[in-house]
């Protein structure tokens, strides 16, 4: 577990506060702290330790500056053609991709505690857990989605999608919901790690964050790339 100290954006002399992050939450933030010192954190737990304390939960999202979605943008082929990525520790990248396929027969949710999102037997609500296929102009890959990211993509909770799946009638609203999520461009913040399955190491790509494409920012990025190409000629 690590501790970070934050200041208000407008002044380093303003009051600061510290909060605790578990290891997997801090790894990318600390690696990119010099480049992107501004972070956004969602779903913190407020406690009364030594006055006021902030701690992350399993569902907490901690991201570097918005530019991080553009800073280390790579193609899917860059990830899939490098099987050693994430061998020692998870590697983090940003990609722009489309969800090209969602297998409707797969298990898409689990019974989760409403407070911490941990898997339980008697749950208050369901949480998303699924694998989708994503594509860009360089290739395709399987991407693991969890609750926060899947809710952004489907625009509804796992419980709501489960109800649609159980409904009968000519109009299959469940299938329609899946169809609406296909071929919509997204920016994904992903982690790449190696997991062992049946004594064989496999690359595992997980979505850590997902946002809609900002076409104005995309245009600026494209102009920057064109400018770099002209300069190198």
C-alpha atoms as a PDB file:
ATOM      1  CA  UNK A   1       0.000   0.000   0.000  1.00  0.00           C
ATOM      2  CA  UNK A   2       1.277   3.477  -0.905  1.00  0.00           C
ATOM      3  CA  UNK A   3       0.414   7.007   0.125  1.00  0.00           C
ATOM      4  CA  UNK A   4       0.097   9.985  -2.216  1.00  0.00           C
ATOM      5  CA  UNK A   5      -0.059  13.650  -1.280  1.00  0.00           C
ATOM      6  CA  UNK A   6      -2.257  15.949  -3.355  1.00  0.00           C
ATOM      7  CA  UNK A   7      -2.493  19.715  -3.685  1.00  0.00           C
ATOM      8  CA  UNK A   8      -5.237  21.843  -5.128  1.00  0.00           C
ATOM      9  CA  UNK A   9      -4.730  22.540  -8.799  1.00  0.00           C
ATOM     10  CA  UNK A  10      -4.554  26.307  -8.430  1.00  0.00           C
ATOM     11  CA  UNK A  11      -1.845  26.500  -5.763  1.00  0.00           C
ATOM     12  CA  UNK A  12       0.903  24.306  -4.320  1.00  0.00           C
ATOM     13  CA  UNK A  13       0.775  26.402  -1.164  1.00  0.00           C
ATOM     14  CA  UNK A  14      -2.859  25.499  -0.526  1.00  0.00           C
ATOM     15  CA  UNK A  15      -3.764  22.840   2.048  1.00  0.00           C
ATOM     16  CA  UNK A  16      -2.854  19.336   0.927  1.00  0.00           C
ATOM     17  CA  UNK A  17      -4.248  15.940   1.788  1.00  0.00           C
ATOM     18  CA  UNK A  18      -2.960  12.414   1.545  1.00  0.00           C
ATOM     19  CA  UNK A  19      -4.763   9.215   0.715  1.00  0.00           C
ATOM     20  CA  UNK A  20      -3.864   5.544   0.545  1.00  0.00           C
ATOM     21  CA  UNK A  21      -3.823   3.443  -2.601  1.00  0.00           C
ATOM     22  CA  UNK A  22      -3.317  -0.289  -2.866  1.00  0.00           C
ATOM     23  CA  UNK A  23      -0.384  -1.402  -5.010  1.00  0.00           C
ATOM     24  CA  UNK A  24      -2.250  -2.056  -8.230  1.00  0.00           C
ATOM     25  CA  UNK A  25      -3.800   1.409  -8.077  1.00  0.00           C
ATOM     26  CA  UNK A  26      -0.496   3.260  -7.711  1.00  0.00           C
ATOM     27  CA  UNK A  27       1.705   1.419 -10.175  1.00  0.00           C
ATOM     28  CA  UNK A  28       0.793   3.407 -13.265  1.00  0.00           C
ATOM     29  CA  UNK A  29       0.319   6.678 -11.396  1.00  0.00           C
ATOM     30  CA  UNK A  30       3.807   6.562  -9.924  1.00  0.00           C
ATOM     31  CA  UNK A  31       5.368   5.564 -13.253  1.00  0.00           C
ATOM     32  CA  UNK A  32       3.832   8.613 -14.930  1.00  0.00           C
ATOM     33  CA  UNK A  33       3.922  11.085 -12.022  1.00  0.00           C
ATOM     34  CA  UNK A  34       6.616  13.290 -13.585  1.00  0.00           C
ATOM     35  CA  UNK A  35       4.854  13.521 -16.945  1.00  0.00           C
ATOM     36  CA  UNK A  36       1.259  13.752 -15.727  1.00  0.00           C
ATOM     37  CA  UNK A  37       1.044  15.023 -12.133  1.00  0.00           C
ATOM     38  CA  UNK A  38      -2.696  15.769 -12.406  1.00  0.00           C
ATOM     39  CA  UNK A  39      -4.901  12.807 -11.549  1.00  0.00           C
ATOM     40  CA  UNK A  40      -8.602  12.091 -11.243  1.00  0.00           C
ATOM     41  CA  UNK A  41      -9.989   9.658  -8.687  1.00  0.00           C
ATOM     42  CA  UNK A  42     -13.524   8.304  -8.495  1.00  0.00           C
ATOM     43  CA  UNK A  43     -15.245   6.307  -5.729  1.00  0.00           C
ATOM     44  CA  UNK A  44     -13.078   7.088  -2.717  1.00  0.00           C
ATOM     45  CA  UNK A  45     -13.936   6.063   0.827  1.00  0.00           C
ATOM     46  CA  UNK A  46     -13.936   8.876   3.399  1.00  0.00           C
ATOM     47  CA  UNK A  47     -12.790   7.916   6.879  1.00  0.00           C
ATOM     48  CA  UNK A  48     -11.983   9.669  10.152  1.00  0.00           C
ATOM     49  CA  UNK A  49      -8.432   8.369  10.674  1.00  0.00           C
ATOM     50  CA  UNK A  50      -6.285  11.256  12.000  1.00  0.00           C
ATOM     51  CA  UNK A  51      -9.055  13.707  11.147  1.00  0.00           C
ATOM     52  CA  UNK A  52     -10.124  12.935   7.590  1.00  0.00           C
ATOM     53  CA  UNK A  53      -8.693  10.162   5.407  1.00  0.00           C
ATOM     54  CA  UNK A  54      -9.366   9.031   1.856  1.00  0.00           C
ATOM     55  CA  UNK A  55      -8.870   5.437   0.718  1.00  0.00           C
ATOM     56  CA  UNK A  56      -9.602   3.619  -2.512  1.00  0.00           C
ATOM     57  CA  UNK A  57     -11.983   0.699  -2.853  1.00  0.00           C
ATOM     58  CA  UNK A  58     -11.842  -2.177  -5.322  1.00  0.00           C
ATOM     59  CA  UNK A  59     -14.154  -0.177  -7.615  1.00  0.00           C
ATOM     60  CA  UNK A  60     -12.116   3.042  -7.358  1.00  0.00           C
ATOM     61  CA  UNK A  61     -10.792   4.531 -10.582  1.00  0.00           C
ATOM     62  CA  UNK A  62      -7.546   6.520 -10.500  1.00  0.00           C
ATOM     63  CA  UNK A  63      -6.260   8.004 -13.737  1.00  0.00           C
ATOM     64  CA  UNK A  64      -3.462  10.294 -14.799  1.00  0.00           C
ATOM     65  CA  UNK A  65      -4.065  13.514 -16.715  1.00  0.00           C
ATOM     66  CA  UNK A  66      -6.465  13.403 -19.644  1.00  0.00           C
ATOM     67  CA  UNK A  67      -3.490  13.642 -21.993  1.00  0.00           C
ATOM     68  CA  UNK A  68      -2.531  10.125 -20.940  1.00  0.00           C
ATOM     69  CA  UNK A  69      -5.175   8.857 -23.369  1.00  0.00           C
ATOM     70  CA  UNK A  70      -3.070  10.392 -26.138  1.00  0.00           C
ATOM     71  CA  UNK A  71       0.448  10.341 -24.720  1.00  0.00           C
ATOM     72  CA  UNK A  72       1.214   6.651 -25.249  1.00  0.00           C
ATOM     73  CA  UNK A  73      -1.379   5.723 -27.854  1.00  0.00           C
ATOM     74  CA  UNK A  74      -0.541   2.494 -29.641  1.00  0.00           C
ATOM     75  CA  UNK A  75      -2.229   0.234 -32.158  1.00  0.00           C
ATOM     76  CA  UNK A  76      -3.630  -3.148 -31.206  1.00  0.00           C
ATOM     77  CA  UNK A  77      -0.965  -4.854 -33.312  1.00  0.00           C
ATOM     78  CA  UNK A  78       1.703  -3.227 -31.133  1.00  0.00           C
ATOM     79  CA  UNK A  79       0.251  -5.119 -28.173  1.00  0.00           C
ATOM     80  CA  UNK A  80      -0.612  -8.440 -29.791  1.00  0.00           C
ATOM     81  CA  UNK A  81       2.670  -8.717 -31.721  1.00  0.00           C
ATOM     82  CA  UNK A  82       4.695  -8.348 -28.499  1.00  0.00           C
ATOM     83  CA  UNK A  83       3.907 -11.481 -26.452  1.00  0.00           C
ATOM     84  CA  UNK A  84       6.484 -10.525 -23.808  1.00  0.00           C
ATOM     85  CA  UNK A  85       4.619  -7.338 -22.832  1.00  0.00           C
ATOM     86  CA  UNK A  86       3.577  -7.407 -19.178  1.00  0.00           C
ATOM     87  CA  UNK A  87       5.917 -10.269 -18.334  1.00  0.00           C
ATOM     88  CA  UNK A  88       7.602  -8.623 -15.330  1.00  0.00           C
ATOM     89  CA  UNK A  89       4.874  -6.129 -14.460  1.00  0.00           C
ATOM     90  CA  UNK A  90       1.738  -4.824 -16.202  1.00  0.00           C
ATOM     91  CA  UNK A  91       2.289  -2.477 -19.129  1.00  0.00           C
ATOM     92  CA  UNK A  92      -0.124   0.398 -19.715  1.00  0.00           C
ATOM     93  CA  UNK A  93      -1.194   1.910 -23.020  1.00  0.00           C
ATOM     94  CA  UNK A  94      -4.018   3.831 -24.620  1.00  0.00           C
ATOM     95  CA  UNK A  95      -5.806   2.619 -27.730  1.00  0.00           C
ATOM     96  CA  UNK A  96      -8.583   3.870 -29.941  1.00  0.00           C
ATOM     97  CA  UNK A  97     -10.714   0.940 -30.988  1.00  0.00           C
ATOM     98  CA  UNK A  98     -14.185  -0.367 -31.745  1.00  0.00           C
ATOM     99  CA  UNK A  99     -15.931  -3.234 -30.020  1.00  0.00           C
ATOM    100  CA  UNK A 100     -16.416  -5.575 -32.963  1.00  0.00           C
ATOM    101  CA  UNK A 101     -18.000  -8.596 -31.276  1.00  0.00           C
ATOM    102  CA  UNK A 102     -19.747  -9.478 -28.000  1.00  0.00           C
ATOM    103  CA  UNK A 103     -20.558 -13.119 -27.400  1.00  0.00           C
ATOM    104  CA  UNK A 104     -24.096 -13.091 -25.974  1.00  0.00           C
ATOM    105  CA  UNK A 105     -23.817 -16.592 -24.444  1.00  0.00           C
ATOM    106  CA  UNK A 106     -20.903 -15.725 -22.159  1.00  0.00           C
ATOM    107  CA  UNK A 107     -21.230 -14.965 -18.452  1.00  0.00           C
ATOM    108  CA  UNK A 108     -21.515 -11.186 -18.384  1.00  0.00           C
ATOM    109  CA  UNK A 109     -21.980 -10.425 -14.701  1.00  0.00           C
ATOM    110  CA  UNK A 110     -21.369 -11.719 -11.215  1.00  0.00           C
ATOM    111  CA  UNK A 111     -23.081 -11.222  -7.886  1.00  0.00           C
ATOM    112  CA  UNK A 112     -21.321  -8.316  -6.195  1.00  0.00           C
ATOM    113  CA  UNK A 113     -21.392  -6.408  -2.943  1.00  0.00           C
ATOM    114  CA  UNK A 114     -22.821  -2.944  -3.569  1.00  0.00           C
ATOM    115  CA  UNK A 115     -20.204  -1.292  -1.345  1.00  0.00           C
ATOM    116  CA  UNK A 116     -16.931  -2.889  -2.479  1.00  0.00           C
ATOM    117  CA  UNK A 117     -17.853  -4.781  -5.707  1.00  0.00           C
ATOM    118  CA  UNK A 118     -16.347  -8.013  -4.331  1.00  0.00           C
ATOM    119  CA  UNK A 119     -17.910 -11.264  -5.451  1.00  0.00           C
ATOM    120  CA  UNK A 120     -20.428 -12.624  -2.942  1.00  0.00           C
ATOM    121  CA  UNK A 121     -23.133 -15.293  -2.768  1.00  0.00           C
ATOM    122  CA  UNK A 122     -25.955 -13.131  -1.433  1.00  0.00           C
ATOM    123  CA  UNK A 123     -25.574  -9.879  -3.308  1.00  0.00           C
ATOM    124  CA  UNK A 124     -27.406  -6.627  -3.468  1.00  0.00           C
ATOM    125  CA  UNK A 125     -26.619  -6.130  -7.144  1.00  0.00           C
ATOM    126  CA  UNK A 126     -24.729  -7.614 -10.096  1.00  0.00           C
ATOM    127  CA  UNK A 127     -21.455  -6.368 -11.544  1.00  0.00           C
ATOM    128  CA  UNK A 128     -20.203  -6.704 -15.088  1.00  0.00           C
ATOM    129  CA  UNK A 129     -17.380  -9.074 -15.988  1.00  0.00           C
ATOM    130  CA  UNK A 130     -16.978 -10.058 -19.629  1.00  0.00           C
ATOM    131  CA  UNK A 131     -14.656 -10.375 -22.591  1.00  0.00           C
ATOM    132  CA  UNK A 132     -15.284  -8.543 -25.859  1.00  0.00           C
ATOM    133  CA  UNK A 133     -13.407  -8.402 -29.127  1.00  0.00           C
ATOM    134  CA  UNK A 134     -12.026  -4.982 -30.084  1.00  0.00           C
ATOM    135  CA  UNK A 135     -10.645  -3.917 -33.459  1.00  0.00           C
ATOM    136  CA  UNK A 136      -8.724  -1.096 -35.073  1.00  0.00           C
ATOM    137  CA  UNK A 137      -7.116  -0.723 -38.494  1.00  0.00           C
ATOM    138  CA  UNK A 138      -4.134  -2.853 -37.407  1.00  0.00           C
ATOM    139  CA  UNK A 139      -5.917  -5.904 -36.064  1.00  0.00           C
ATOM    140  CA  UNK A 140      -8.060  -7.219 -33.228  1.00  0.00           C
ATOM    141  CA  UNK A 141      -7.752  -8.514 -29.689  1.00  0.00           C
ATOM    142  CA  UNK A 142      -9.809  -9.794 -26.760  1.00  0.00           C
ATOM    143  CA  UNK A 143     -10.411  -7.231 -24.034  1.00  0.00           C
ATOM    144  CA  UNK A 144     -11.638  -7.875 -20.490  1.00  0.00           C
ATOM    145  CA  UNK A 145     -14.258  -5.443 -19.191  1.00  0.00           C
ATOM    146  CA  UNK A 146     -15.334  -4.932 -15.618  1.00  0.00           C
ATOM    147  CA  UNK A 147     -18.242  -3.065 -14.087  1.00  0.00           C
ATOM    148  CA  UNK A 148     -17.221   0.580 -14.392  1.00  0.00           C
ATOM    149  CA  UNK A 149     -16.077   0.290 -18.002  1.00  0.00           C
ATOM    150  CA  UNK A 150     -18.978  -1.892 -19.164  1.00  0.00           C
ATOM    151  CA  UNK A 151     -21.551   0.486 -17.661  1.00  0.00           C
ATOM    152  CA  UNK A 152     -20.056   3.311 -19.721  1.00  0.00           C
ATOM    153  CA  UNK A 153     -20.268   1.234 -22.886  1.00  0.00           C
ATOM    154  CA  UNK A 154     -23.771  -0.180 -22.426  1.00  0.00           C
ATOM    155  CA  UNK A 155     -25.252   2.813 -20.651  1.00  0.00           C
ATOM    156  CA  UNK A 156     -26.970   0.625 -18.059  1.00  0.00           C
ATOM    157  CA  UNK A 157     -26.143  -1.499 -15.040  1.00  0.00           C
ATOM    158  CA  UNK A 158     -25.596  -5.253 -15.114  1.00  0.00           C
ATOM    159  CA  UNK A 159     -28.907  -5.754 -13.301  1.00  0.00           C
ATOM    160  CA  UNK A 160     -30.736  -3.749 -15.971  1.00  0.00           C
ATOM    161  CA  UNK A 161     -29.130  -5.732 -18.801  1.00  0.00           C
ATOM    162  CA  UNK A 162     -29.952  -8.969 -16.971  1.00  0.00           C
ATOM    163  CA  UNK A 163     -33.632  -7.966 -16.835  1.00  0.00           C
ATOM    164  CA  UNK A 164     -33.615  -7.257 -20.573  1.00  0.00           C
ATOM    165  CA  UNK A 165     -32.143 -10.706 -21.217  1.00  0.00           C
ATOM    166  CA  UNK A 166     -34.895 -12.395 -19.212  1.00  0.00           C
ATOM    167  CA  UNK A 167     -37.715 -10.553 -20.998  1.00  0.00           C
ATOM    168  CA  UNK A 168     -39.704 -12.453 -23.587  1.00  0.00           C
ATOM    169  CA  UNK A 169     -41.290 -11.084 -26.722  1.00  0.00           C
ATOM    170  CA  UNK A 170     -40.698 -10.424 -30.386  1.00  0.00           C
ATOM    171  CA  UNK A 171     -38.465  -7.441 -29.710  1.00  0.00           C
ATOM    172  CA  UNK A 172     -35.208  -8.718 -28.226  1.00  0.00           C
ATOM    173  CA  UNK A 173     -34.047  -5.660 -26.290  1.00  0.00           C
ATOM    174  CA  UNK A 174     -31.051  -7.534 -24.885  1.00  0.00           C
ATOM    175  CA  UNK A 175     -29.669  -8.272 -28.337  1.00  0.00           C
ATOM    176  CA  UNK A 176     -30.440  -4.704 -29.376  1.00  0.00           C
ATOM    177  CA  UNK A 177     -28.454  -3.355 -26.448  1.00  0.00           C
ATOM    178  CA  UNK A 178     -25.448  -5.456 -27.462  1.00  0.00           C
ATOM    179  CA  UNK A 179     -25.813  -4.336 -31.064  1.00  0.00           C
ATOM    180  CA  UNK A 180     -25.809  -0.673 -30.039  1.00  0.00           C
ATOM    181  CA  UNK A 181     -22.413  -1.147 -28.378  1.00  0.00           C
ATOM    182  CA  UNK A 182     -20.829  -2.517 -31.561  1.00  0.00           C
ATOM    183  CA  UNK A 183     -18.734  -0.337 -33.903  1.00  0.00           C
ATOM    184  CA  UNK A 184     -18.765   2.713 -31.678  1.00  0.00           C
ATOM    185  CA  UNK A 185     -15.284   4.277 -31.325  1.00  0.00           C
ATOM    186  CA  UNK A 186     -13.872   4.493 -27.799  1.00  0.00           C
ATOM    187  CA  UNK A 187     -10.621   5.469 -26.163  1.00  0.00           C
ATOM    188  CA  UNK A 188      -9.478   2.677 -23.863  1.00  0.00           C
ATOM    189  CA  UNK A 189      -6.828   2.815 -21.171  1.00  0.00           C
ATOM    190  CA  UNK A 190      -5.569  -0.762 -21.013  1.00  0.00           C
ATOM    191  CA  UNK A 191      -3.201  -2.871 -18.969  1.00  0.00           C
ATOM    192  CA  UNK A 192      -1.314  -5.787 -20.491  1.00  0.00           C
ATOM    193  CA  UNK A 193      -0.188  -8.609 -18.212  1.00  0.00           C
ATOM    194  CA  UNK A 194       0.872 -12.230 -18.430  1.00  0.00           C
ATOM    195  CA  UNK A 195      -1.342 -14.862 -16.808  1.00  0.00           C
ATOM    196  CA  UNK A 196      -0.655 -18.567 -16.588  1.00  0.00           C
ATOM    197  CA  UNK A 197      -3.372 -20.910 -17.813  1.00  0.00           C
ATOM    198  CA  UNK A 198      -2.816 -24.694 -17.956  1.00  0.00           C
ATOM    199  CA  UNK A 199       0.952 -24.180 -17.540  1.00  0.00           C
ATOM    200  CA  UNK A 200       1.028 -21.754 -20.436  1.00  0.00           C
ATOM    201  CA  UNK A 201       1.532 -18.002 -20.157  1.00  0.00           C
ATOM    202  CA  UNK A 202      -0.992 -15.929 -22.025  1.00  0.00           C
ATOM    203  CA  UNK A 203      -1.329 -12.226 -22.645  1.00  0.00           C
ATOM    204  CA  UNK A 204      -4.293 -10.695 -20.819  1.00  0.00           C
ATOM    205  CA  UNK A 205      -5.567  -7.253 -21.842  1.00  0.00           C
ATOM    206  CA  UNK A 206      -7.852  -5.428 -19.424  1.00  0.00           C
ATOM    207  CA  UNK A 207      -9.704  -2.139 -19.857  1.00  0.00           C
ATOM    208  CA  UNK A 208      -8.887   0.199 -16.973  1.00  0.00           C
ATOM    209  CA  UNK A 209     -10.861   3.172 -18.285  1.00  0.00           C
ATOM    210  CA  UNK A 210     -12.985   4.015 -21.291  1.00  0.00           C
ATOM    211  CA  UNK A 211     -14.099   7.403 -22.613  1.00  0.00           C
ATOM    212  CA  UNK A 212     -15.875   8.627 -25.701  1.00  0.00           C
ATOM    213  CA  UNK A 213     -13.704   9.849 -28.555  1.00  0.00           C
ATOM    214  CA  UNK A 214     -13.062  13.605 -28.466  1.00  0.00           C
ATOM    215  CA  UNK A 215     -12.943  14.323 -32.189  1.00  0.00           C
ATOM    216  CA  UNK A 216     -11.504  17.816 -31.673  1.00  0.00           C
ATOM    217  CA  UNK A 217      -8.625  16.330 -29.667  1.00  0.00           C
ATOM    218  CA  UNK A 218      -8.237  13.577 -32.254  1.00  0.00           C
ATOM    219  CA  UNK A 219      -7.919  16.215 -34.986  1.00  0.00           C
ATOM    220  CA  UNK A 220      -5.228  18.070 -33.017  1.00  0.00           C
ATOM    221  CA  UNK A 221      -3.347  14.815 -32.498  1.00  0.00           C
ATOM    222  CA  UNK A 222      -3.513  14.047 -36.213  1.00  0.00           C
ATOM    223  CA  UNK A 223      -2.228  17.528 -37.092  1.00  0.00           C
ATOM    224  CA  UNK A 224       0.671  17.050 -34.657  1.00  0.00           C
ATOM    225  CA  UNK A 225       1.558  13.744 -36.307  1.00  0.00           C
ATOM    226  CA  UNK A 226       1.425  15.329 -39.762  1.00  0.00           C
ATOM    227  CA  UNK A 227       3.636  18.177 -38.564  1.00  0.00           C
ATOM    228  CA  UNK A 228       6.192  15.686 -37.199  1.00  0.00           C
ATOM    229  CA  UNK A 229       6.217  13.828 -40.512  1.00  0.00           C
ATOM    230  CA  UNK A 230       6.886  17.064 -42.421  1.00  0.00           C
ATOM    231  CA  UNK A 231       9.690  18.022 -40.034  1.00  0.00           C
ATOM    232  CA  UNK A 232      11.413  14.661 -40.409  1.00  0.00           C
ATOM    233  CA  UNK A 233      11.429  14.848 -44.225  1.00  0.00           C
END
